[in-house]
Amino acid sequence: QSNPTTLVDRDRAAPRRAPRHMLVPSPARAAAAAAAAFVVNSAGADSSLLGIPGTWELKETRAGNLCMARAVFTQDPPGADEGRVTVSSPCFDTGSGAWRAVYTGDAPTFGWALDYERSTVLYSASRVEAARPGGTVKARGIIRAAKRSEPNKLAPVGTFEAQA
């Protein structure tokens, strides 16, 4: 006797493409990709738990080199779960791009993308320690990059630790 499968069972077994809202159509919108495979669910969430808007001090390691950087996150309108970011450092050119907060259960996190002339650099905060009011927010994550001419060849280039 055969075991009948339901449509739900067949859906689980079938290979799937990422949902349309998770595809990154251009480097300018790559902040969503920086947040990796998380699903955004911002209902009732507050990006101020992430120290945004605000200034973050970053300690980056890229290709084995340690460097300090500063990231300034802005929101428009206030309270939004995404906005603009500018990162400056004596080790690399200043970059600007977009950030997006990501909420999965009780673990808020975020990612941002910087657009350069020849590349896109993605920062994914894999661990965020949100602070109580007046406290310090800390984050750790991975840095990935791709040439603008080869956006599908995103590769890890370093890690970062940050605090706001």
N, C-alpha and C. Protein backbone atom coordinates (compact mmCIF):
# COMPACT_ATOMS: atom_id res chain seq x y z
N GLN A 1 0.85 -1.18 0.00
CA GLN A 1 0.00 0.00 0.00
C GLN A 1 0.89 1.23 0.00
N SER A 2 0.59 2.18 -0.88
CA SER A 2 1.41 3.39 -0.96
C SER A 2 0.98 4.39 0.10
N ASN A 3 1.92 5.21 0.47
CA ASN A 3 1.67 6.25 1.47
C ASN A 3 1.40 7.55 0.72
N PRO A 4 0.17 8.03 0.71
CA PRO A 4 -0.13 9.25 -0.07
C PRO A 4 0.60 10.46 0.52
N THR A 5 1.07 11.32 -0.37
CA THR A 5 1.71 12.56 0.07
C THR A 5 0.76 13.72 -0.16
N THR A 6 0.87 14.68 0.70
CA THR A 6 0.04 15.87 0.56
C THR A 6 0.80 16.92 -0.24
N LEU A 7 0.11 17.97 -0.63
CA LEU A 7 0.77 19.07 -1.34
C LEU A 7 1.85 19.69 -0.47
N VAL A 8 1.62 19.76 0.84
CA VAL A 8 2.61 20.32 1.75
C VAL A 8 3.87 19.47 1.74
N ASP A 9 3.71 18.13 1.78
CA ASP A 9 4.87 17.24 1.74
C ASP A 9 5.66 17.41 0.45
N ARG A 10 4.97 17.53 -0.67
CA ARG A 10 5.66 17.72 -1.95
C ARG A 10 6.37 19.06 -1.98
N ASP A 11 5.76 20.10 -1.41
CA ASP A 11 6.40 21.41 -1.37
C ASP A 11 7.70 21.36 -0.57
N ARG A 12 7.70 20.62 0.54
CA ARG A 12 8.90 20.53 1.37
C ARG A 12 10.02 19.82 0.62
N ALA A 13 9.67 18.83 -0.18
CA ALA A 13 10.68 18.03 -0.87
C ALA A 13 11.22 18.73 -2.11
N ALA A 14 10.46 19.60 -2.70
CA ALA A 14 10.87 20.25 -3.95
C ALA A 14 11.93 21.31 -3.70
N PRO A 15 12.97 21.35 -4.55
CA PRO A 15 13.95 22.43 -4.40
C PRO A 15 13.28 23.77 -4.69
N ARG A 16 13.71 24.81 -3.99
CA ARG A 16 13.05 26.11 -4.13
C ARG A 16 14.07 27.21 -4.35
N ARG A 17 13.65 28.20 -5.09
CA ARG A 17 14.43 29.43 -5.21
C ARG A 17 14.07 30.30 -4.03
N ALA A 18 14.94 31.24 -3.74
CA ALA A 18 14.65 32.19 -2.67
C ALA A 18 13.40 32.97 -3.04
N PRO A 19 12.57 33.32 -2.05
CA PRO A 19 11.39 34.13 -2.35
C PRO A 19 11.81 35.45 -2.99
N ARG A 20 10.96 35.99 -3.83
CA ARG A 20 11.25 37.21 -4.59
C ARG A 20 11.72 38.35 -3.68
N HIS A 21 11.13 38.48 -2.48
CA HIS A 21 11.51 39.59 -1.59
C HIS A 21 12.92 39.43 -1.03
N MET A 22 13.54 38.25 -1.18
CA MET A 22 14.89 38.04 -0.65
C MET A 22 15.96 38.12 -1.74
N LEU A 23 15.56 38.27 -3.03
CA LEU A 23 16.53 38.39 -4.11
C LEU A 23 17.10 39.80 -4.11
N VAL A 24 18.36 39.93 -4.44
CA VAL A 24 19.03 41.23 -4.45
C VAL A 24 19.18 41.68 -5.90
N PRO A 25 18.36 42.65 -6.36
CA PRO A 25 18.39 43.04 -7.76
C PRO A 25 19.58 43.90 -8.15
N SER A 26 20.23 44.56 -7.21
CA SER A 26 21.35 45.41 -7.56
C SER A 26 22.23 45.62 -6.34
N PRO A 27 23.49 46.00 -6.54
CA PRO A 27 24.37 46.25 -5.39
C PRO A 27 23.82 47.32 -4.46
N ALA A 28 23.09 48.28 -4.99
CA ALA A 28 22.55 49.35 -4.15
C ALA A 28 21.54 48.82 -3.14
N ARG A 29 20.95 47.67 -3.43
CA ARG A 29 19.97 47.08 -2.52
C ARG A 29 20.55 45.88 -1.78
N ALA A 30 21.85 45.75 -1.76
CA ALA A 30 22.49 44.56 -1.22
C ALA A 30 22.47 44.47 0.30
N ALA A 31 21.98 45.48 1.00
CA ALA A 31 21.91 45.39 2.46
C ALA A 31 21.06 44.21 2.89
N ALA A 32 20.04 43.89 2.11
CA ALA A 32 19.22 42.72 2.44
C ALA A 32 20.05 41.45 2.35
N ALA A 33 20.93 41.37 1.37
CA ALA A 33 21.79 40.20 1.24
C ALA A 33 22.81 40.15 2.36
N ALA A 34 23.24 41.31 2.82
CA ALA A 34 24.20 41.35 3.92
C ALA A 34 23.63 40.72 5.17
N ALA A 35 22.34 40.79 5.30
CA ALA A 35 21.67 40.18 6.43
C ALA A 35 21.44 38.69 6.19
N ALA A 36 22.07 38.16 5.17
CA ALA A 36 22.08 36.75 4.81
C ALA A 36 20.68 36.20 4.60
N ALA A 37 20.40 35.04 5.09
CA ALA A 37 19.14 34.37 4.78
C ALA A 37 18.08 34.60 5.83
N PHE A 38 18.17 35.69 6.55
CA PHE A 38 17.16 36.00 7.56
C PHE A 38 15.91 36.55 6.90
N VAL A 39 14.78 36.38 7.55
CA VAL A 39 13.53 36.93 7.06
C VAL A 39 13.20 38.15 7.89
N VAL A 40 12.90 39.26 7.23
CA VAL A 40 12.59 40.48 7.94
C VAL A 40 11.16 40.43 8.46
N ASN A 41 11.00 40.67 9.74
CA ASN A 41 9.69 40.75 10.36
C ASN A 41 9.75 41.88 11.37
N SER A 42 9.46 43.09 10.92
CA SER A 42 9.70 44.26 11.75
C SER A 42 8.49 44.70 12.56
N ALA A 43 7.43 43.93 12.58
CA ALA A 43 6.25 44.33 13.33
C ALA A 43 6.58 44.48 14.81
N GLY A 44 6.44 45.67 15.33
CA GLY A 44 6.68 45.92 16.73
C GLY A 44 8.14 45.97 17.12
N ALA A 45 9.05 45.91 16.17
CA ALA A 45 10.48 45.92 16.47
C ALA A 45 10.98 47.35 16.57
N ASP A 46 12.16 47.52 17.19
CA ASP A 46 12.72 48.84 17.40
C ASP A 46 14.21 48.80 17.10
N SER A 47 14.63 49.47 16.02
CA SER A 47 16.03 49.43 15.63
C SER A 47 16.92 50.19 16.60
N SER A 48 16.35 50.98 17.52
CA SER A 48 17.19 51.66 18.51
C SER A 48 17.86 50.65 19.44
N LEU A 49 17.31 49.43 19.55
CA LEU A 49 17.96 48.37 20.32
C LEU A 49 19.30 48.01 19.72
N LEU A 50 19.48 48.31 18.44
CA LEU A 50 20.72 48.02 17.73
C LEU A 50 21.68 49.21 17.74
N GLY A 51 21.34 50.27 18.44
CA GLY A 51 22.20 51.45 18.45
C GLY A 51 22.10 52.25 17.16
N ILE A 52 20.97 52.14 16.48
CA ILE A 52 20.74 52.84 15.22
C ILE A 52 19.53 53.74 15.39
N PRO A 53 19.56 55.00 15.00
CA PRO A 53 20.69 55.66 14.36
C PRO A 53 21.81 55.87 15.37
N GLY A 54 23.01 56.01 14.84
CA GLY A 54 24.14 56.23 15.72
C GLY A 54 25.45 55.92 15.05
N THR A 55 26.52 55.99 15.86
CA THR A 55 27.87 55.76 15.37
C THR A 55 28.43 54.50 16.01
N TRP A 56 28.99 53.63 15.19
CA TRP A 56 29.60 52.39 15.64
C TRP A 56 31.10 52.47 15.42
N GLU A 57 31.87 51.96 16.38
CA GLU A 57 33.32 51.81 16.23
C GLU A 57 33.57 50.36 15.84
N LEU A 58 34.28 50.14 14.74
CA LEU A 58 34.52 48.80 14.22
C LEU A 58 36.00 48.43 14.31
N LYS A 59 36.24 47.18 14.64
CA LYS A 59 37.57 46.60 14.57
C LYS A 59 37.46 45.51 13.51
N GLU A 60 38.10 45.74 12.36
CA GLU A 60 37.99 44.83 11.23
C GLU A 60 39.28 44.07 11.01
N THR A 61 39.14 42.85 10.54
CA THR A 61 40.28 42.08 10.06
C THR A 61 39.95 41.69 8.63
N ARG A 62 40.73 42.25 7.69
CA ARG A 62 40.55 41.92 6.27
C ARG A 62 41.88 41.42 5.74
N ALA A 63 41.86 40.25 5.14
CA ALA A 63 43.06 39.63 4.59
C ALA A 63 44.18 39.58 5.63
N GLY A 64 43.81 39.35 6.89
CA GLY A 64 44.79 39.24 7.96
C GLY A 64 45.25 40.56 8.55
N ASN A 65 44.79 41.67 8.02
CA ASN A 65 45.19 42.99 8.52
C ASN A 65 44.12 43.55 9.45
N LEU A 66 44.54 44.01 10.62
CA LEU A 66 43.63 44.62 11.60
C LEU A 66 43.51 46.11 11.32
N CYS A 67 42.29 46.62 11.37
CA CYS A 67 42.06 48.04 11.10
C CYS A 67 40.86 48.53 11.89
N MET A 68 40.91 49.78 12.29
CA MET A 68 39.79 50.42 12.98
C MET A 68 38.99 51.22 11.96
N ALA A 69 37.68 51.28 12.16
CA ALA A 69 36.81 52.03 11.26
C ALA A 69 35.66 52.61 12.07
N ARG A 70 34.95 53.54 11.47
CA ARG A 70 33.79 54.16 12.09
C ARG A 70 32.63 54.11 11.10
N ALA A 71 31.48 53.62 11.57
CA ALA A 71 30.28 53.54 10.74
C ALA A 71 29.22 54.46 11.33
N VAL A 72 28.64 55.30 10.50
CA VAL A 72 27.58 56.21 10.92
C VAL A 72 26.29 55.77 10.23
N PHE A 73 25.30 55.39 11.05
CA PHE A 73 24.02 54.91 10.55
C PHE A 73 22.96 56.00 10.72
N THR A 74 22.20 56.26 9.67
CA THR A 74 21.10 57.23 9.74
C THR A 74 19.80 56.55 9.31
N GLN A 75 18.69 57.13 9.75
CA GLN A 75 17.36 56.64 9.40
C GLN A 75 16.57 57.76 8.76
N ASP A 76 15.75 57.42 7.79
CA ASP A 76 14.83 58.38 7.20
C ASP A 76 13.64 57.60 6.68
N PRO A 77 12.52 57.70 7.32
CA PRO A 77 12.14 58.52 8.47
C PRO A 77 12.63 57.91 9.78
N PRO A 78 12.62 58.69 10.86
CA PRO A 78 13.01 58.16 12.17
C PRO A 78 12.18 56.92 12.51
N GLY A 79 12.84 55.93 13.08
CA GLY A 79 12.16 54.69 13.45
C GLY A 79 12.14 53.64 12.36
N ALA A 80 12.65 53.98 11.17
CA ALA A 80 12.66 53.02 10.05
C ALA A 80 13.62 51.87 10.35
N ASP A 81 13.39 50.74 9.71
CA ASP A 81 14.24 49.56 9.88
C ASP A 81 15.33 49.49 8.82
N GLU A 82 15.55 50.59 8.11
CA GLU A 82 16.60 50.66 7.11
C GLU A 82 17.00 52.11 6.91
N GLY A 83 18.14 52.31 6.30
CA GLY A 83 18.60 53.67 6.08
C GLY A 83 19.94 53.69 5.38
N ARG A 84 20.68 54.75 5.58
CA ARG A 84 21.98 54.96 4.94
C ARG A 84 23.10 54.74 5.95
N VAL A 85 24.27 54.34 5.44
CA VAL A 85 25.44 54.14 6.28
C VAL A 85 26.67 54.65 5.54
N THR A 86 27.60 55.23 6.30
CA THR A 86 28.89 55.65 5.77
C THR A 86 29.96 55.08 6.68
N VAL A 87 30.96 54.42 6.09
CA VAL A 87 32.06 53.82 6.85
C VAL A 87 33.35 54.49 6.42
N SER A 88 34.11 54.98 7.42
CA SER A 88 35.40 55.61 7.12
C SER A 88 36.49 54.94 7.95
N SER A 89 37.70 54.90 7.35
CA SER A 89 38.83 54.25 7.99
C SER A 89 40.11 54.74 7.33
N PRO A 90 41.22 54.77 8.09
CA PRO A 90 42.50 55.11 7.46
C PRO A 90 43.02 53.97 6.58
N CYS A 91 42.42 52.78 6.66
CA CYS A 91 42.91 51.61 5.93
C CYS A 91 42.29 51.42 4.55
N PHE A 92 41.14 52.02 4.31
CA PHE A 92 40.47 51.86 3.02
C PHE A 92 39.63 53.10 2.73
N ASP A 93 39.20 53.24 1.49
CA ASP A 93 38.41 54.39 1.08
C ASP A 93 37.09 54.43 1.83
N THR A 94 36.61 55.64 2.09
CA THR A 94 35.30 55.81 2.70
C THR A 94 34.25 55.25 1.75
N GLY A 95 33.31 54.50 2.32
CA GLY A 95 32.24 53.91 1.51
C GLY A 95 30.88 54.28 2.05
N SER A 96 29.92 54.39 1.16
CA SER A 96 28.54 54.68 1.55
C SER A 96 27.63 53.61 0.98
N GLY A 97 26.52 53.41 1.66
CA GLY A 97 25.58 52.41 1.19
C GLY A 97 24.32 52.40 2.02
N ALA A 98 23.74 51.22 2.17
CA ALA A 98 22.46 51.07 2.86
C ALA A 98 22.57 50.00 3.94
N TRP A 99 21.75 50.13 4.99
CA TRP A 99 21.67 49.13 6.04
C TRP A 99 20.23 48.70 6.20
N ARG A 100 20.03 47.53 6.81
CA ARG A 100 18.69 47.04 7.09
C ARG A 100 18.73 46.22 8.38
N ALA A 101 17.77 46.48 9.26
CA ALA A 101 17.62 45.69 10.49
C ALA A 101 16.87 44.40 10.14
N VAL A 102 17.19 43.35 10.86
CA VAL A 102 16.57 42.04 10.64
C VAL A 102 16.12 41.51 11.99
N TYR A 103 14.90 40.99 12.03
CA TYR A 103 14.35 40.47 13.28
C TYR A 103 13.93 39.03 13.07
N THR A 104 14.54 38.13 13.82
CA THR A 104 14.16 36.71 13.79
C THR A 104 13.93 36.29 15.23
N GLY A 105 12.68 36.17 15.62
CA GLY A 105 12.38 35.83 17.01
C GLY A 105 12.89 36.90 17.94
N ASP A 106 13.67 36.50 18.93
CA ASP A 106 14.19 37.43 19.93
C ASP A 106 15.60 37.92 19.61
N ALA A 107 16.10 37.66 18.41
CA ALA A 107 17.49 37.99 18.09
C ALA A 107 17.58 39.05 16.99
N PRO A 108 17.49 40.33 17.34
CA PRO A 108 17.62 41.35 16.30
C PRO A 108 19.06 41.41 15.79
N THR A 109 19.22 41.64 14.52
CA THR A 109 20.54 41.80 13.93
C THR A 109 20.41 42.75 12.74
N PHE A 110 21.48 42.96 12.02
CA PHE A 110 21.41 43.86 10.87
C PHE A 110 22.59 43.61 9.94
N GLY A 111 22.49 44.18 8.77
CA GLY A 111 23.56 44.09 7.80
C GLY A 111 23.61 45.37 6.99
N TRP A 112 24.76 45.60 6.35
CA TRP A 112 24.86 46.78 5.51
C TRP A 112 25.76 46.49 4.32
N ALA A 113 25.56 47.26 3.27
CA ALA A 113 26.33 47.10 2.04
C ALA A 113 26.93 48.44 1.65
N LEU A 114 28.19 48.41 1.24
CA LEU A 114 28.89 49.61 0.78
C LEU A 114 29.18 49.46 -0.71
N ASP A 115 28.87 50.47 -1.47
CA ASP A 115 29.13 50.46 -2.90
C ASP A 115 30.38 51.25 -3.20
N TYR A 116 31.34 50.59 -3.83
CA TYR A 116 32.56 51.23 -4.29
C TYR A 116 32.57 51.21 -5.82
N GLU A 117 33.51 51.93 -6.41
CA GLU A 117 33.59 52.00 -7.87
C GLU A 117 33.73 50.61 -8.50
N ARG A 118 34.56 49.75 -7.91
CA ARG A 118 34.81 48.44 -8.50
C ARG A 118 34.28 47.26 -7.70
N SER A 119 33.70 47.50 -6.53
CA SER A 119 33.23 46.37 -5.72
C SER A 119 32.08 46.77 -4.81
N THR A 120 31.44 45.75 -4.27
CA THR A 120 30.43 45.90 -3.24
C THR A 120 30.91 45.10 -2.04
N VAL A 121 30.85 45.72 -0.85
CA VAL A 121 31.30 45.06 0.38
C VAL A 121 30.09 44.92 1.29
N LEU A 122 29.84 43.70 1.76
CA LEU A 122 28.69 43.41 2.61
C LEU A 122 29.15 43.05 4.02
N TYR A 123 28.52 43.66 5.00
CA TYR A 123 28.77 43.36 6.41
C TYR A 123 27.52 42.67 6.95
N SER A 124 27.68 41.48 7.52
CA SER A 124 26.57 40.74 8.12
C SER A 124 26.85 40.56 9.60
N ALA A 125 26.05 41.19 10.44
CA ALA A 125 26.20 41.02 11.89
C ALA A 125 25.54 39.70 12.26
N SER A 126 26.35 38.70 12.57
CA SER A 126 25.82 37.38 12.90
C SER A 126 25.45 37.27 14.37
N ARG A 127 26.02 38.13 15.20
CA ARG A 127 25.71 38.12 16.64
C ARG A 127 25.63 39.56 17.13
N VAL A 128 24.51 39.92 17.72
CA VAL A 128 24.32 41.27 18.26
C VAL A 128 23.88 41.15 19.70
N GLU A 129 24.55 41.89 20.57
CA GLU A 129 24.15 41.97 21.98
C GLU A 129 23.50 43.33 22.17
N ALA A 130 22.18 43.36 22.12
CA ALA A 130 21.45 44.61 22.29
C ALA A 130 21.59 45.10 23.72
N ALA A 131 21.60 46.40 23.88
CA ALA A 131 21.83 47.01 25.20
C ALA A 131 20.54 47.54 25.79
N ARG A 132 20.55 47.64 27.10
CA ARG A 132 19.47 48.35 27.78
C ARG A 132 19.69 49.84 27.53
N PRO A 133 18.68 50.67 27.75
CA PRO A 133 18.86 52.11 27.52
C PRO A 133 20.10 52.65 28.22
N GLY A 134 20.93 53.37 27.47
CA GLY A 134 22.15 53.94 28.00
C GLY A 134 23.34 53.00 27.97
N GLY A 135 23.13 51.75 27.56
CA GLY A 135 24.21 50.77 27.53
C GLY A 135 24.90 50.72 26.18
N THR A 136 25.86 49.80 26.06
CA THR A 136 26.63 49.63 24.84
C THR A 136 26.10 48.43 24.06
N VAL A 137 25.84 48.63 22.78
CA VAL A 137 25.44 47.55 21.89
C VAL A 137 26.71 46.99 21.25
N LYS A 138 26.84 45.67 21.20
CA LYS A 138 28.02 45.04 20.60
C LYS A 138 27.58 44.09 19.50
N ALA A 139 28.44 43.93 18.49
CA ALA A 139 28.13 43.03 17.38
C ALA A 139 29.40 42.39 16.86
N ARG A 140 29.22 41.22 16.24
CA ARG A 140 30.30 40.52 15.53
C ARG A 140 29.72 40.04 14.22
N GLY A 141 30.58 39.92 13.23
CA GLY A 141 30.07 39.41 11.97
C GLY A 141 31.14 39.16 10.95
N ILE A 142 30.69 38.93 9.75
CA ILE A 142 31.56 38.58 8.63
C ILE A 142 31.47 39.66 7.55
N ILE A 143 32.57 39.86 6.86
CA ILE A 143 32.63 40.81 5.75
C ILE A 143 32.81 40.00 4.47
N ARG A 144 31.96 40.28 3.48
CA ARG A 144 32.05 39.62 2.17
C ARG A 144 32.19 40.70 1.11
N ALA A 145 32.78 40.34 -0.01
CA ALA A 145 32.94 41.31 -1.10
C ALA A 145 32.81 40.62 -2.45
N ALA A 146 32.41 41.41 -3.43
CA ALA A 146 32.33 40.94 -4.82
C ALA A 146 32.68 42.09 -5.74
N LYS A 147 33.34 41.76 -6.84
CA LYS A 147 33.60 42.78 -7.86
C LYS A 147 32.26 43.17 -8.46
N ARG A 148 32.11 44.44 -8.82
CA ARG A 148 30.86 44.88 -9.44
C ARG A 148 30.64 44.16 -10.77
N SER A 149 31.72 43.79 -11.43
CA SER A 149 31.60 43.07 -12.70
C SER A 149 31.21 41.60 -12.51
N GLU A 150 31.35 41.08 -11.27
CA GLU A 150 31.01 39.70 -10.97
C GLU A 150 30.23 39.62 -9.64
N PRO A 151 29.04 40.22 -9.58
CA PRO A 151 28.31 40.30 -8.30
C PRO A 151 27.92 38.95 -7.72
N ASN A 152 27.88 37.90 -8.52
CA ASN A 152 27.51 36.58 -8.01
C ASN A 152 28.68 35.85 -7.37
N LYS A 153 29.87 36.41 -7.42
CA LYS A 153 31.05 35.78 -6.83
C LYS A 153 31.39 36.42 -5.49
N LEU A 154 30.41 36.50 -4.63
CA LEU A 154 30.57 37.05 -3.29
C LEU A 154 31.43 36.10 -2.46
N ALA A 155 32.49 36.63 -1.84
CA ALA A 155 33.41 35.78 -1.08
C ALA A 155 33.74 36.43 0.26
N PRO A 156 33.96 35.62 1.31
CA PRO A 156 34.37 36.17 2.60
C PRO A 156 35.75 36.82 2.48
N VAL A 157 35.89 38.02 3.05
CA VAL A 157 37.19 38.72 3.02
C VAL A 157 37.66 39.10 4.42
N GLY A 158 36.81 38.92 5.43
CA GLY A 158 37.23 39.28 6.78
C GLY A 158 36.11 39.17 7.79
N THR A 159 36.41 39.67 8.99
CA THR A 159 35.45 39.68 10.09
C THR A 159 35.47 41.04 10.76
N PHE A 160 34.46 41.30 11.59
CA PHE A 160 34.45 42.56 12.34
C PHE A 160 33.85 42.35 13.72
N GLU A 161 34.27 43.21 14.63
CA GLU A 161 33.66 43.37 15.94
C GLU A 161 33.32 44.85 16.03
N ALA A 162 32.19 45.17 16.63
CA ALA A 162 31.77 46.57 16.67
C ALA A 162 31.01 46.86 17.96
N GLN A 163 30.96 48.14 18.28
CA GLN A 163 30.13 48.58 19.41
C GLN A 163 29.63 49.99 19.16
N ALA A 164 28.44 50.25 19.69
CA ALA A 164 27.82 51.57 19.54
C ALA A 164 27.68 52.20 20.91
